Amino acid sequence: MDLLFSVLIQAMQIYSWVLIIYILLSWFPGARESRFGEVLSRLAEPFLEPFRKIIPPLGMIDISPIVAILVLRFATSGLYELYYMLM
């Protein structure tokens, strides 16, 4: 049980870093079109897409990735709490 929670929490933390790096790639022209950017796109876009449908951009700024990262961090915290509650 410890190993399962540990792996899930670690995977969620790594995925949040994948999202952050993917968002930062938008600051560099052509970075998302690179091979690395395409791999990150395949990993990040399925999670970001529902948030983009719900939250409209504010002018030129898309805040949906920030909300997505917060949701993922809250889910990670919830998993921590569930783990300590069961132990």
Protein backbone atom coordinates (compact mmCIF):
# COMPACT_ATOMS: atom_id res chain seq x y z
CA MET A 1 0.00 0.00 0.00
CA ASP A 2 2.85 2.35 0.84
CA LEU A 3 4.48 1.71 -2.51
CA LEU A 4 1.25 2.39 -4.42
CA PHE A 5 0.67 5.75 -2.74
CA SER A 6 4.32 6.66 -3.10
CA VAL A 7 4.31 5.90 -6.83
CA LEU A 8 1.03 7.78 -7.39
CA ILE A 9 2.21 10.86 -5.51
CA GLN A 10 5.56 10.85 -7.30
CA ALA A 11 3.84 10.47 -10.69
CA MET A 12 1.53 13.39 -9.94
CA GLN A 13 4.46 15.58 -8.91
CA ILE A 14 6.40 14.69 -12.07
CA TYR A 15 3.33 15.37 -14.19
CA SER A 16 2.93 18.82 -12.64
CA TRP A 17 6.53 19.56 -13.67
CA VAL A 18 5.74 18.32 -17.18
CA LEU A 19 2.88 20.83 -17.29
CA ILE A 20 5.08 23.65 -16.03
CA ILE A 21 7.79 22.94 -18.60
CA TYR A 22 5.17 22.69 -21.35
CA ILE A 23 3.75 26.07 -20.36
CA LEU A 24 7.21 27.65 -20.28
CA LEU A 25 7.87 26.37 -23.81
CA SER A 26 5.22 28.79 -25.06
CA TRP A 27 7.58 31.66 -24.21
CA PHE A 28 10.14 30.49 -26.77
CA PRO A 29 9.28 30.72 -30.48
CA GLY A 30 9.22 27.32 -32.16
CA ALA A 31 9.93 25.38 -28.97
CA ARG A 32 6.61 23.52 -29.04
CA GLU A 33 7.28 22.44 -32.61
CA SER A 34 10.52 20.71 -31.59
CA ARG A 35 10.59 16.99 -30.92
CA PHE A 36 10.74 17.63 -27.16
CA GLY A 37 7.80 20.05 -27.40
CA GLU A 38 5.73 17.53 -29.34
CA VAL A 39 6.34 14.84 -26.71
CA LEU A 40 5.33 17.24 -23.95
CA SER A 41 2.29 18.25 -25.98
CA ARG A 42 1.13 14.64 -26.19
CA LEU A 43 1.49 14.33 -22.43
CA ALA A 44 0.04 17.68 -21.36
CA GLU A 45 -2.75 18.50 -23.82
CA PRO A 46 -5.18 15.71 -22.79
CA PHE A 47 -5.17 17.09 -19.23
CA LEU A 48 -5.25 20.76 -20.23
CA GLU A 49 -8.01 20.49 -22.86
CA PRO A 50 -11.00 20.21 -20.44
CA PHE A 51 -9.76 23.26 -18.54
CA ARG A 52 -9.42 25.24 -21.77
CA LYS A 53 -13.03 24.40 -22.66
CA ILE A 54 -14.30 25.71 -19.32
CA ILE A 55 -12.04 28.73 -18.74
CA PRO A 56 -11.90 31.30 -21.54
CA PRO A 57 -8.65 33.20 -22.16
CA LEU A 58 -8.37 36.66 -20.63
CA GLY A 59 -7.33 38.64 -23.67
CA MET A 60 -4.03 37.14 -24.77
CA ILE A 61 -3.47 35.28 -21.49
CA ASP A 62 -4.62 31.70 -21.01
CA ILE A 63 -5.01 31.02 -17.30
CA SER A 64 -6.41 27.50 -17.70
CA PRO A 65 -2.96 25.84 -17.29
CA ILE A 66 -2.54 27.60 -13.94
CA VAL A 67 -5.92 26.28 -12.80
CA ALA A 68 -5.01 22.80 -14.09
CA ILE A 69 -1.76 22.80 -12.12
CA LEU A 70 -3.60 23.95 -8.98
CA VAL A 71 -6.15 21.16 -9.39
CA LEU A 72 -3.35 18.63 -9.80
CA ARG A 73 -1.55 19.97 -6.71
CA PHE A 74 -4.79 19.84 -4.67
CA ALA A 75 -5.34 16.25 -5.84
CA THR A 76 -1.80 15.39 -4.75
CA SER A 77 -2.44 16.95 -1.35
CA GLY A 78 -5.69 15.02 -1.09
CA LEU A 79 -3.83 11.82 -1.85
CA TYR A 80 -1.33 12.64 0.90
CA GLU A 81 -4.20 13.18 3.36
CA LEU A 82 -5.89 9.94 2.30
CA TYR A 83 -2.64 8.08 2.79
CA TYR A 84 -2.09 9.44 6.30
CA MET A 85 -5.73 8.88 7.21
CA LEU A 86 -5.49 5.20 6.23
CA MET A 87 -2.23 4.66 8.08
